[in-house]
Amino acid sequence: MKKKLIVIAFLVATNIFCYADSWIQKADHGGNGIVAAAVGFSINGKGYVGTGSGTNFFLKELWQFDPISDAWTQKADFGGKGREAAAGFSIGKRDT
């Protein structure tokens, strides 16, 4: 069991470090400056980032990223109180 965990940890670490130099700069987020503990998810090939916290405040903003146009669009604010460390998930995959 211990050997399996070591092998799995090695494979995960190798996979992460193999792609460390492959980041590509995309459009800057148009929101409230530095945001911590935001939630992220995707729907139909577009990424969404929302809520989170800034300096001494909680956010309600929701932003959509379109990778085709490399642009952010602000969507309607989250309907509840501003918050941080929410959870998001996506189901399925994008058809291409």
PDB file of N, CA and C in Angstrom:
ATOM      1  N   MET A   1       0.821  -1.195   0.000  1.00  0.00           N
ATOM      2  CA  MET A   1       0.000   0.000   0.000  1.00  0.00           C
ATOM      3  C   MET A   1       0.868   1.263   0.000  1.00  0.00           C
ATOM      4  N   LYS A   2       1.931   1.246   0.806  1.00  0.00           N
ATOM      5  CA  LYS A   2       2.811   2.399   0.903  1.00  0.00           C
ATOM      6  C   LYS A   2       3.505   2.672  -0.437  1.00  0.00           C
ATOM      7  N   LYS A   3       3.901   1.602  -1.139  1.00  0.00           N
ATOM      8  CA  LYS A   3       4.562   1.764  -2.434  1.00  0.00           C
ATOM      9  C   LYS A   3       3.591   2.359  -3.461  1.00  0.00           C
ATOM     10  N   LYS A   4       2.328   1.943  -3.412  1.00  0.00           N
ATOM     11  CA  LYS A   4       1.331   2.477  -4.353  1.00  0.00           C
ATOM     12  C   LYS A   4       1.142   3.976  -4.141  1.00  0.00           C
ATOM     13  N   LEU A   5       1.086   4.407  -2.892  1.00  0.00           N
ATOM     14  CA  LEU A   5       0.920   5.831  -2.601  1.00  0.00           C
ATOM     15  C   LEU A   5       2.122   6.639  -3.080  1.00  0.00           C
ATOM     16  N   ILE A   6       3.310   6.097  -2.922  1.00  0.00           N
ATOM     17  CA  ILE A   6       4.513   6.790  -3.380  1.00  0.00           C
ATOM     18  C   ILE A   6       4.500   6.910  -4.902  1.00  0.00           C
ATOM     19  N   VAL A   7       4.115   5.845  -5.599  1.00  0.00           N
ATOM     20  CA  VAL A   7       4.049   5.873  -7.061  1.00  0.00           C
ATOM     21  C   VAL A   7       3.002   6.883  -7.522  1.00  0.00           C
ATOM     22  N   ILE A   8       1.841   6.884  -6.892  1.00  0.00           N
ATOM     23  CA  ILE A   8       0.789   7.830  -7.262  1.00  0.00           C
ATOM     24  C   ILE A   8       1.261   9.265  -7.025  1.00  0.00           C
ATOM     25  N   ALA A   9       1.875   9.524  -5.887  1.00  0.00           N
ATOM     26  CA  ALA A   9       2.383  10.870  -5.595  1.00  0.00           C
ATOM     27  C   ALA A   9       3.423  11.290  -6.622  1.00  0.00           C
ATOM     28  N   PHE A  10       4.301  10.361  -7.012  1.00  0.00           N
ATOM     29  CA  PHE A  10       5.311  10.668  -8.027  1.00  0.00           C
ATOM     30  C   PHE A  10       4.665  11.006  -9.368  1.00  0.00           C
ATOM     31  N   LEU A  11       3.674  10.225  -9.780  1.00  0.00           N
ATOM     32  CA  LEU A  11       3.007  10.474 -11.059  1.00  0.00           C
ATOM     33  C   LEU A  11       2.272  11.816 -11.061  1.00  0.00           C
ATOM     34  N   VAL A  12       1.623  12.139  -9.968  1.00  0.00           N
ATOM     35  CA  VAL A  12       0.936  13.425  -9.876  1.00  0.00           C
ATOM     36  C   VAL A  12       1.943  14.563  -9.933  1.00  0.00           C
ATOM     37  N   ALA A  13       3.013  14.480  -9.164  1.00  0.00           N
ATOM     38  CA  ALA A  13       4.032  15.530  -9.151  1.00  0.00           C
ATOM     39  C   ALA A  13       4.689  15.670 -10.523  1.00  0.00           C
ATOM     40  N   THR A  14       4.982  14.568 -11.174  1.00  0.00           N
ATOM     41  CA  THR A  14       5.591  14.604 -12.497  1.00  0.00           C
ATOM     42  C   THR A  14       4.661  15.280 -13.499  1.00  0.00           C
ATOM     43  N   ASN A  15       3.390  14.944 -13.447  1.00  0.00           N
ATOM     44  CA  ASN A  15       2.414  15.532 -14.355  1.00  0.00           C
ATOM     45  C   ASN A  15       2.300  17.039 -14.140  1.00  0.00           C
ATOM     46  N   ILE A  16       2.290  17.486 -12.908  1.00  0.00           N
ATOM     47  CA  ILE A  16       2.193  18.916 -12.606  1.00  0.00           C
ATOM     48  C   ILE A  16       3.428  19.649 -13.110  1.00  0.00           C
ATOM     49  N   PHE A  17       4.617  19.131 -12.836  1.00  0.00           N
ATOM     50  CA  PHE A  17       5.836  19.828 -13.206  1.00  0.00           C
ATOM     51  C   PHE A  17       6.124  19.753 -14.708  1.00  0.00           C
ATOM     52  N   CYS A  18       5.614  18.761 -15.393  1.00  0.00           N
ATOM     53  CA  CYS A  18       5.820  18.675 -16.846  1.00  0.00           C
ATOM     54  C   CYS A  18       5.149  19.828 -17.571  1.00  0.00           C
ATOM     55  N   TYR A  19       4.082  20.329 -17.041  1.00  0.00           N
ATOM     56  CA  TYR A  19       3.329  21.380 -17.714  1.00  0.00           C
ATOM     57  C   TYR A  19       3.535  22.753 -17.097  1.00  0.00           C
ATOM     58  N   ALA A  20       4.458  22.878 -16.183  1.00  0.00           N
ATOM     59  CA  ALA A  20       4.669  24.141 -15.477  1.00  0.00           C
ATOM     60  C   ALA A  20       5.064  25.281 -16.410  1.00  0.00           C
ATOM     61  N   ASP A  21       5.730  24.996 -17.518  1.00  0.00           N
ATOM     62  CA  ASP A  21       6.180  26.045 -18.436  1.00  0.00           C
ATOM     63  C   ASP A  21       5.239  26.246 -19.616  1.00  0.00           C
ATOM     64  N   SER A  22       4.044  25.661 -19.578  1.00  0.00           N
ATOM     65  CA  SER A  22       3.165  25.734 -20.734  1.00  0.00           C
ATOM     66  C   SER A  22       2.003  26.710 -20.554  1.00  0.00           C
ATOM     67  N   TRP A  23       2.058  27.603 -19.577  1.00  0.00           N
ATOM     68  CA  TRP A  23       0.996  28.584 -19.371  1.00  0.00           C
ATOM     69  C   TRP A  23       1.033  29.621 -20.481  1.00  0.00           C
ATOM     70  N   ILE A  24      -0.138  30.046 -20.919  1.00  0.00           N
ATOM     71  CA  ILE A  24      -0.261  31.074 -21.948  1.00  0.00           C
ATOM     72  C   ILE A  24      -1.058  32.227 -21.357  1.00  0.00           C
ATOM     73  N   GLN A  25      -0.508  33.442 -21.443  1.00  0.00           N
ATOM     74  CA  GLN A  25      -1.187  34.626 -20.909  1.00  0.00           C
ATOM     75  C   GLN A  25      -2.486  34.870 -21.663  1.00  0.00           C
ATOM     76  N   LYS A  26      -3.568  35.068 -20.936  1.00  0.00           N
ATOM     77  CA  LYS A  26      -4.872  35.398 -21.504  1.00  0.00           C
ATOM     78  C   LYS A  26      -5.278  36.768 -20.993  1.00  0.00           C
ATOM     79  N   ALA A  27      -6.435  37.235 -21.426  1.00  0.00           N
ATOM     80  CA  ALA A  27      -6.914  38.565 -21.039  1.00  0.00           C
ATOM     81  C   ALA A  27      -7.014  38.685 -19.524  1.00  0.00           C
ATOM     82  N   ASP A  28      -6.679  39.867 -19.011  1.00  0.00           N
ATOM     83  CA  ASP A  28      -6.815  40.133 -17.581  1.00  0.00           C
ATOM     84  C   ASP A  28      -8.282  40.195 -17.194  1.00  0.00           C
ATOM     85  N   HIS A  29      -8.557  39.739 -15.997  1.00  0.00           N
ATOM     86  CA  HIS A  29      -9.905  39.796 -15.432  1.00  0.00           C
ATOM     87  C   HIS A  29     -10.281  41.254 -15.219  1.00  0.00           C
ATOM     88  N   GLY A  30     -11.482  41.643 -15.532  1.00  0.00           N
ATOM     89  CA  GLY A  30     -11.887  43.038 -15.440  1.00  0.00           C
ATOM     90  C   GLY A  30     -12.471  43.441 -14.110  1.00  0.00           C
ATOM     91  N   GLY A  31     -12.386  42.590 -13.110  1.00  0.00           N
ATOM     92  CA  GLY A  31     -13.079  42.835 -11.850  1.00  0.00           C
ATOM     93  C   GLY A  31     -12.376  43.736 -10.874  1.00  0.00           C
ATOM     94  N   ASN A  32     -12.611  43.466  -9.619  1.00  0.00           N
ATOM     95  CA  ASN A  32     -12.272  44.305  -8.485  1.00  0.00           C
ATOM     96  C   ASN A  32     -10.828  44.156  -8.020  1.00  0.00           C
ATOM     97  N   GLY A  33      -9.865  44.122  -8.891  1.00  0.00           N
ATOM     98  CA  GLY A  33      -8.473  43.993  -8.465  1.00  0.00           C
ATOM     99  C   GLY A  33      -8.152  42.602  -7.983  1.00  0.00           C
ATOM    100  N   ILE A  34      -7.421  42.511  -6.895  1.00  0.00           N
ATOM    101  CA  ILE A  34      -7.002  41.218  -6.349  1.00  0.00           C
ATOM    102  C   ILE A  34      -8.170  40.581  -5.612  1.00  0.00           C
ATOM    103  N   VAL A  35      -8.483  39.354  -5.988  1.00  0.00           N
ATOM    104  CA  VAL A  35      -9.588  38.613  -5.377  1.00  0.00           C
ATOM    105  C   VAL A  35      -9.036  37.319  -4.804  1.00  0.00           C
ATOM    106  N   ALA A  36      -9.412  37.007  -3.596  1.00  0.00           N
ATOM    107  CA  ALA A  36      -8.986  35.764  -2.949  1.00  0.00           C
ATOM    108  C   ALA A  36     -10.203  34.878  -2.713  1.00  0.00           C
ATOM    109  N   ALA A  37      -9.987  33.590  -2.677  1.00  0.00           N
ATOM    110  CA  ALA A  37     -10.999  32.600  -2.323  1.00  0.00           C
ATOM    111  C   ALA A  37     -12.259  32.697  -3.175  1.00  0.00           C
ATOM    112  N   ALA A  38     -12.082  32.927  -4.481  1.00  0.00           N
ATOM    113  CA  ALA A  38     -13.214  32.979  -5.408  1.00  0.00           C
ATOM    114  C   ALA A  38     -13.641  31.561  -5.782  1.00  0.00           C
ATOM    115  N   VAL A  39     -14.809  31.442  -6.381  1.00  0.00           N
ATOM    116  CA  VAL A  39     -15.300  30.156  -6.875  1.00  0.00           C
ATOM    117  C   VAL A  39     -15.147  30.144  -8.389  1.00  0.00           C
ATOM    118  N   GLY A  40     -14.889  28.985  -8.954  1.00  0.00           N
ATOM    119  CA  GLY A  40     -14.776  28.854 -10.396  1.00  0.00           C
ATOM    120  C   GLY A  40     -15.484  27.609 -10.887  1.00  0.00           C
ATOM    121  N   PHE A  41     -16.040  27.687 -12.096  1.00  0.00           N
ATOM    122  CA  PHE A  41     -16.692  26.548 -12.727  1.00  0.00           C
ATOM    123  C   PHE A  41     -16.786  26.836 -14.221  1.00  0.00           C
ATOM    124  N   SER A  42     -17.248  25.869 -15.002  1.00  0.00           N
ATOM    125  CA  SER A  42     -17.404  26.084 -16.436  1.00  0.00           C
ATOM    126  C   SER A  42     -18.759  25.567 -16.902  1.00  0.00           C
ATOM    127  N   ILE A  43     -19.277  26.208 -17.956  1.00  0.00           N
ATOM    128  CA  ILE A  43     -20.513  25.785 -18.604  1.00  0.00           C
ATOM    129  C   ILE A  43     -20.308  25.981 -20.103  1.00  0.00           C
ATOM    130  N   ASN A  44     -20.521  24.932 -20.870  1.00  0.00           N
ATOM    131  CA  ASN A  44     -20.432  24.997 -22.329  1.00  0.00           C
ATOM    132  C   ASN A  44     -19.145  25.650 -22.834  1.00  0.00           C
ATOM    133  N   GLY A  45     -18.018  25.282 -22.266  1.00  0.00           N
ATOM    134  CA  GLY A  45     -16.735  25.756 -22.751  1.00  0.00           C
ATOM    135  C   GLY A  45     -16.344  27.151 -22.295  1.00  0.00           C
ATOM    136  N   LYS A  46     -17.149  27.784 -21.451  1.00  0.00           N
ATOM    137  CA  LYS A  46     -16.806  29.106 -20.930  1.00  0.00           C
ATOM    138  C   LYS A  46     -16.544  28.980 -19.435  1.00  0.00           C
ATOM    139  N   GLY A  47     -15.555  29.734 -18.961  1.00  0.00           N
ATOM    140  CA  GLY A  47     -15.197  29.694 -17.550  1.00  0.00           C
ATOM    141  C   GLY A  47     -15.882  30.801 -16.776  1.00  0.00           C
ATOM    142  N   TYR A  48     -16.208  30.540 -15.536  1.00  0.00           N
ATOM    143  CA  TYR A  48     -16.862  31.520 -14.672  1.00  0.00           C
ATOM    144  C   TYR A  48     -16.088  31.651 -13.373  1.00  0.00           C
ATOM    145  N   VAL A  49     -15.930  32.873 -12.904  1.00  0.00           N
ATOM    146  CA  VAL A  49     -15.280  33.161 -11.631  1.00  0.00           C
ATOM    147  C   VAL A  49     -16.161  34.154 -10.903  1.00  0.00           C
ATOM    148  N   GLY A  50     -16.407  33.892  -9.631  1.00  0.00           N
ATOM    149  CA  GLY A  50     -17.270  34.807  -8.894  1.00  0.00           C
ATOM    150  C   GLY A  50     -17.045  34.764  -7.403  1.00  0.00           C
ATOM    151  N   THR A  51     -17.722  35.645  -6.738  1.00  0.00           N
ATOM    152  CA  THR A  51     -17.656  35.869  -5.293  1.00  0.00           C
ATOM    153  C   THR A  51     -16.202  36.040  -4.871  1.00  0.00           C
ATOM    154  N   GLY A  52     -15.850  35.630  -3.675  1.00  0.00           N
ATOM    155  CA  GLY A  52     -14.495  35.806  -3.174  1.00  0.00           C
ATOM    156  C   GLY A  52     -14.393  37.029  -2.279  1.00  0.00           C
ATOM    157  N   SER A  53     -13.171  37.385  -1.928  1.00  0.00           N
ATOM    158  CA  SER A  53     -12.979  38.529  -1.044  1.00  0.00           C
ATOM    159  C   SER A  53     -11.871  39.429  -1.575  1.00  0.00           C
ATOM    160  N   GLY A  54     -12.045  40.711  -1.330  1.00  0.00           N
ATOM    161  CA  GLY A  54     -11.030  41.702  -1.630  1.00  0.00           C
ATOM    162  C   GLY A  54     -10.463  42.176  -0.304  1.00  0.00           C
ATOM    163  N   THR A  55      -9.989  43.396  -0.258  1.00  0.00           N
ATOM    164  CA  THR A  55      -9.464  43.944   0.979  1.00  0.00           C
ATOM    165  C   THR A  55     -10.628  44.420   1.844  1.00  0.00           C
ATOM    166  N   ASN A  56     -10.924  43.693   2.895  1.00  0.00           N
ATOM    167  CA  ASN A  56     -11.971  44.044   3.873  1.00  0.00           C
ATOM    168  C   ASN A  56     -13.388  44.026   3.311  1.00  0.00           C
ATOM    169  N   PHE A  57     -13.669  43.238   2.280  1.00  0.00           N
ATOM    170  CA  PHE A  57     -15.040  43.114   1.788  1.00  0.00           C
ATOM    171  C   PHE A  57     -15.218  41.781   1.064  1.00  0.00           C
ATOM    172  N   PHE A  58     -16.476  41.326   0.988  1.00  0.00           N
ATOM    173  CA  PHE A  58     -16.823  40.116   0.250  1.00  0.00           C
ATOM    174  C   PHE A  58     -17.508  40.519  -1.047  1.00  0.00           C
ATOM    175  N   LEU A  59     -17.240  39.776  -2.107  1.00  0.00           N
ATOM    176  CA  LEU A  59     -17.752  40.109  -3.425  1.00  0.00           C
ATOM    177  C   LEU A  59     -18.988  39.305  -3.796  1.00  0.00           C
ATOM    178  N   LYS A  60     -19.807  39.905  -4.674  1.00  0.00           N
ATOM    179  CA  LYS A  60     -20.977  39.237  -5.242  1.00  0.00           C
ATOM    180  C   LYS A  60     -20.852  39.118  -6.757  1.00  0.00           C
ATOM    181  N   GLU A  61     -19.771  39.664  -7.327  1.00  0.00           N
ATOM    182  CA  GLU A  61     -19.586  39.691  -8.774  1.00  0.00           C
ATOM    183  C   GLU A  61     -19.485  38.288  -9.374  1.00  0.00           C
ATOM    184  N   LEU A  62     -19.908  38.180 -10.642  1.00  0.00           N
ATOM    185  CA  LEU A  62     -19.716  36.958 -11.416  1.00  0.00           C
ATOM    186  C   LEU A  62     -19.205  37.366 -12.793  1.00  0.00           C
ATOM    187  N   TRP A  63     -18.108  36.738 -13.220  1.00  0.00           N
ATOM    188  CA  TRP A  63     -17.482  37.048 -14.501  1.00  0.00           C
ATOM    189  C   TRP A  63     -17.397  35.796 -15.347  1.00  0.00           C
ATOM    190  N   GLN A  64     -17.592  35.962 -16.662  1.00  0.00           N
ATOM    191  CA  GLN A  64     -17.518  34.864 -17.623  1.00  0.00           C
ATOM    192  C   GLN A  64     -16.307  35.079 -18.530  1.00  0.00           C
ATOM    193  N   PHE A  65     -15.518  34.023 -18.727  1.00  0.00           N
ATOM    194  CA  PHE A  65     -14.382  34.096 -19.648  1.00  0.00           C
ATOM    195  C   PHE A  65     -14.687  33.253 -20.874  1.00  0.00           C
ATOM    196  N   ASP A  66     -14.555  33.860 -22.050  1.00  0.00           N
ATOM    197  CA  ASP A  66     -14.740  33.163 -23.322  1.00  0.00           C
ATOM    198  C   ASP A  66     -13.358  32.933 -23.932  1.00  0.00           C
ATOM    199  N   PRO A  67     -12.886  31.674 -23.975  1.00  0.00           N
ATOM    200  CA  PRO A  67     -11.546  31.419 -24.497  1.00  0.00           C
ATOM    201  C   PRO A  67     -11.422  31.669 -26.000  1.00  0.00           C
ATOM    202  N   ILE A  68     -12.516  31.637 -26.724  1.00  0.00           N
ATOM    203  CA  ILE A  68     -12.469  31.889 -28.168  1.00  0.00           C
ATOM    204  C   ILE A  68     -12.146  33.358 -28.437  1.00  0.00           C
ATOM    205  N   SER A  69     -12.842  34.261 -27.744  1.00  0.00           N
ATOM    206  CA  SER A  69     -12.603  35.698 -27.944  1.00  0.00           C
ATOM    207  C   SER A  69     -11.558  36.252 -26.981  1.00  0.00           C
ATOM    208  N   ASP A  70     -11.095  35.426 -26.024  1.00  0.00           N
ATOM    209  CA  ASP A  70     -10.129  35.849 -25.012  1.00  0.00           C
ATOM    210  C   ASP A  70     -10.621  37.109 -24.299  1.00  0.00           C
ATOM    211  N   ALA A  71     -11.873  37.059 -23.846  1.00  0.00           N
ATOM    212  CA  ALA A  71     -12.470  38.237 -23.217  1.00  0.00           C
ATOM    213  C   ALA A  71     -13.321  37.851 -22.012  1.00  0.00           C
ATOM    214  N   TRP A  72     -13.340  38.757 -21.029  1.00  0.00           N
ATOM    215  CA  TRP A  72     -14.168  38.624 -19.834  1.00  0.00           C
ATOM    216  C   TRP A  72     -15.419  39.479 -19.988  1.00  0.00           C
ATOM    217  N   THR A  73     -16.555  38.957 -19.510  1.00  0.00           N
ATOM    218  CA  THR A  73     -17.814  39.693 -19.517  1.00  0.00           C
ATOM    219  C   THR A  73     -18.416  39.601 -18.124  1.00  0.00           C
ATOM    220  N   GLN A  74     -18.795  40.737 -17.557  1.00  0.00           N
ATOM    221  CA  GLN A  74     -19.429  40.701 -16.249  1.00  0.00           C
ATOM    222  C   GLN A  74     -20.876  40.269 -16.401  1.00  0.00           C
ATOM    223  N   LYS A  75     -21.304  39.341 -15.572  1.00  0.00           N
ATOM    224  CA  LYS A  75     -22.667  38.833 -15.560  1.00  0.00           C
ATOM    225  C   LYS A  75     -23.397  39.415 -14.355  1.00  0.00           C
ATOM    226  N   ALA A  76     -24.662  39.053 -14.204  1.00  0.00           N
ATOM    227  CA  ALA A  76     -25.442  39.521 -13.053  1.00  0.00           C
ATOM    228  C   ALA A  76     -24.774  39.066 -11.762  1.00  0.00           C
ATOM    229  N   ASP A  77     -24.791  39.934 -10.756  1.00  0.00           N
ATOM    230  CA  ASP A  77     -24.212  39.594  -9.456  1.00  0.00           C
ATOM    231  C   ASP A  77     -24.888  38.368  -8.858  1.00  0.00           C
ATOM    232  N   PHE A  78     -24.129  37.661  -8.038  1.00  0.00           N
ATOM    233  CA  PHE A  78     -24.668  36.561  -7.250  1.00  0.00           C
ATOM    234  C   PHE A  78     -25.809  37.097  -6.397  1.00  0.00           C
ATOM    235  N   GLY A  79     -26.914  36.372  -6.304  1.00  0.00           N
ATOM    236  CA  GLY A  79     -28.116  36.855  -5.630  1.00  0.00           C
ATOM    237  C   GLY A  79     -28.068  36.875  -4.114  1.00  0.00           C
ATOM    238  N   GLY A  80     -27.152  36.166  -3.507  1.00  0.00           N
ATOM    239  CA  GLY A  80     -27.060  36.152  -2.048  1.00  0.00           C
ATOM    240  C   GLY A  80     -26.091  37.206  -1.546  1.00  0.00           C
ATOM    241  N   LYS A  81     -25.709  37.070  -0.286  1.00  0.00           N
ATOM    242  CA  LYS A  81     -24.705  37.969   0.290  1.00  0.00           C
ATOM    243  C   LYS A  81     -23.337  37.640  -0.286  1.00  0.00           C
ATOM    244  N   GLY A  82     -22.460  38.658  -0.350  1.00  0.00           N
ATOM    245  CA  GLY A  82     -21.094  38.413  -0.779  1.00  0.00           C
ATOM    246  C   GLY A  82     -20.460  37.346   0.100  1.00  0.00           C
ATOM    247  N   ARG A  83     -19.572  36.553  -0.489  1.00  0.00           N
ATOM    248  CA  ARG A  83     -18.971  35.454   0.279  1.00  0.00           C
ATOM    249  C   ARG A  83     -17.634  35.055  -0.314  1.00  0.00           C
ATOM    250  N   GLU A  84     -16.911  34.256   0.410  1.00  0.00           N
ATOM    251  CA  GLU A  84     -15.648  33.708  -0.073  1.00  0.00           C
ATOM    252  C   GLU A  84     -15.631  32.213   0.178  1.00  0.00           C
ATOM    253  N   ALA A  85     -14.731  31.526  -0.510  1.00  0.00           N
ATOM    254  CA  ALA A  85     -14.506  30.088  -0.346  1.00  0.00           C
ATOM    255  C   ALA A  85     -15.745  29.256  -0.648  1.00  0.00           C
ATOM    256  N   ALA A  86     -16.543  29.679  -1.620  1.00  0.00           N
ATOM    257  CA  ALA A  86     -17.686  28.872  -2.064  1.00  0.00           C
ATOM    258  C   ALA A  86     -17.153  27.695  -2.885  1.00  0.00           C
ATOM    259  N   ALA A  87     -18.008  26.781  -3.248  1.00  0.00           N
ATOM    260  CA  ALA A  87     -17.605  25.628  -4.042  1.00  0.00           C
ATOM    261  C   ALA A  87     -18.335  25.649  -5.382  1.00  0.00           C
ATOM    262  N   GLY A  88     -17.668  25.230  -6.426  1.00  0.00           N
ATOM    263  CA  GLY A  88     -18.279  25.134  -7.748  1.00  0.00           C
ATOM    264  C   GLY A  88     -17.838  23.844  -8.413  1.00  0.00           C
ATOM    265  N   PHE A  89     -18.612  23.372  -9.376  1.00  0.00           N
ATOM    266  CA  PHE A  89     -18.245  22.170 -10.103  1.00  0.00           C
ATOM    267  C   PHE A  89     -18.862  22.223 -11.492  1.00  0.00           C
ATOM    268  N   SER A  90     -18.366  21.387 -12.361  1.00  0.00           N
ATOM    269  CA  SER A  90     -18.881  21.277 -13.722  1.00  0.00           C
ATOM    270  C   SER A  90     -19.153  19.815 -14.020  1.00  0.00           C
ATOM    271  N   ILE A  91     -20.167  19.576 -14.832  1.00  0.00           N
ATOM    272  CA  ILE A  91     -20.520  18.214 -15.218  1.00  0.00           C
ATOM    273  C   ILE A  91     -20.456  18.112 -16.734  1.00  0.00           C
ATOM    274  N   GLY A  92     -19.908  17.020 -17.224  1.00  0.00           N
ATOM    275  CA  GLY A  92     -19.849  16.816 -18.667  1.00  0.00           C
ATOM    276  C   GLY A  92     -18.613  17.424 -19.281  1.00  0.00           C
ATOM    277  N   LYS A  93     -18.592  17.427 -20.608  1.00  0.00           N
ATOM    278  CA  LYS A  93     -17.451  17.975 -21.309  1.00  0.00           C
ATOM    279  C   LYS A  93     -17.941  18.750 -22.519  1.00  0.00           C
ATOM    280  N   ARG A  94     -17.065  19.569 -23.037  1.00  0.00           N
ATOM    281  CA  ARG A  94     -17.404  20.393 -24.188  1.00  0.00           C
ATOM    282  C   ARG A  94     -17.343  19.549 -25.455  1.00  0.00           C
ATOM    283  N   ASP A  95     -18.374  19.635 -26.275  1.00  0.00           N
ATOM    284  CA  ASP A  95     -18.358  18.955 -27.572  1.00  0.00           C
ATOM    285  C   ASP A  95     -17.622  19.830 -28.569  1.00  0.00           C
ATOM    286  N   THR A  96     -16.676  19.250 -29.298  1.00  0.00           N
ATOM    287  CA  THR A  96     -15.932  20.037 -30.284  1.00  0.00           C
ATOM    288  C   THR A  96     -16.116  19.483 -31.668  1.00  0.00           C
TER     289      THR A  96
END
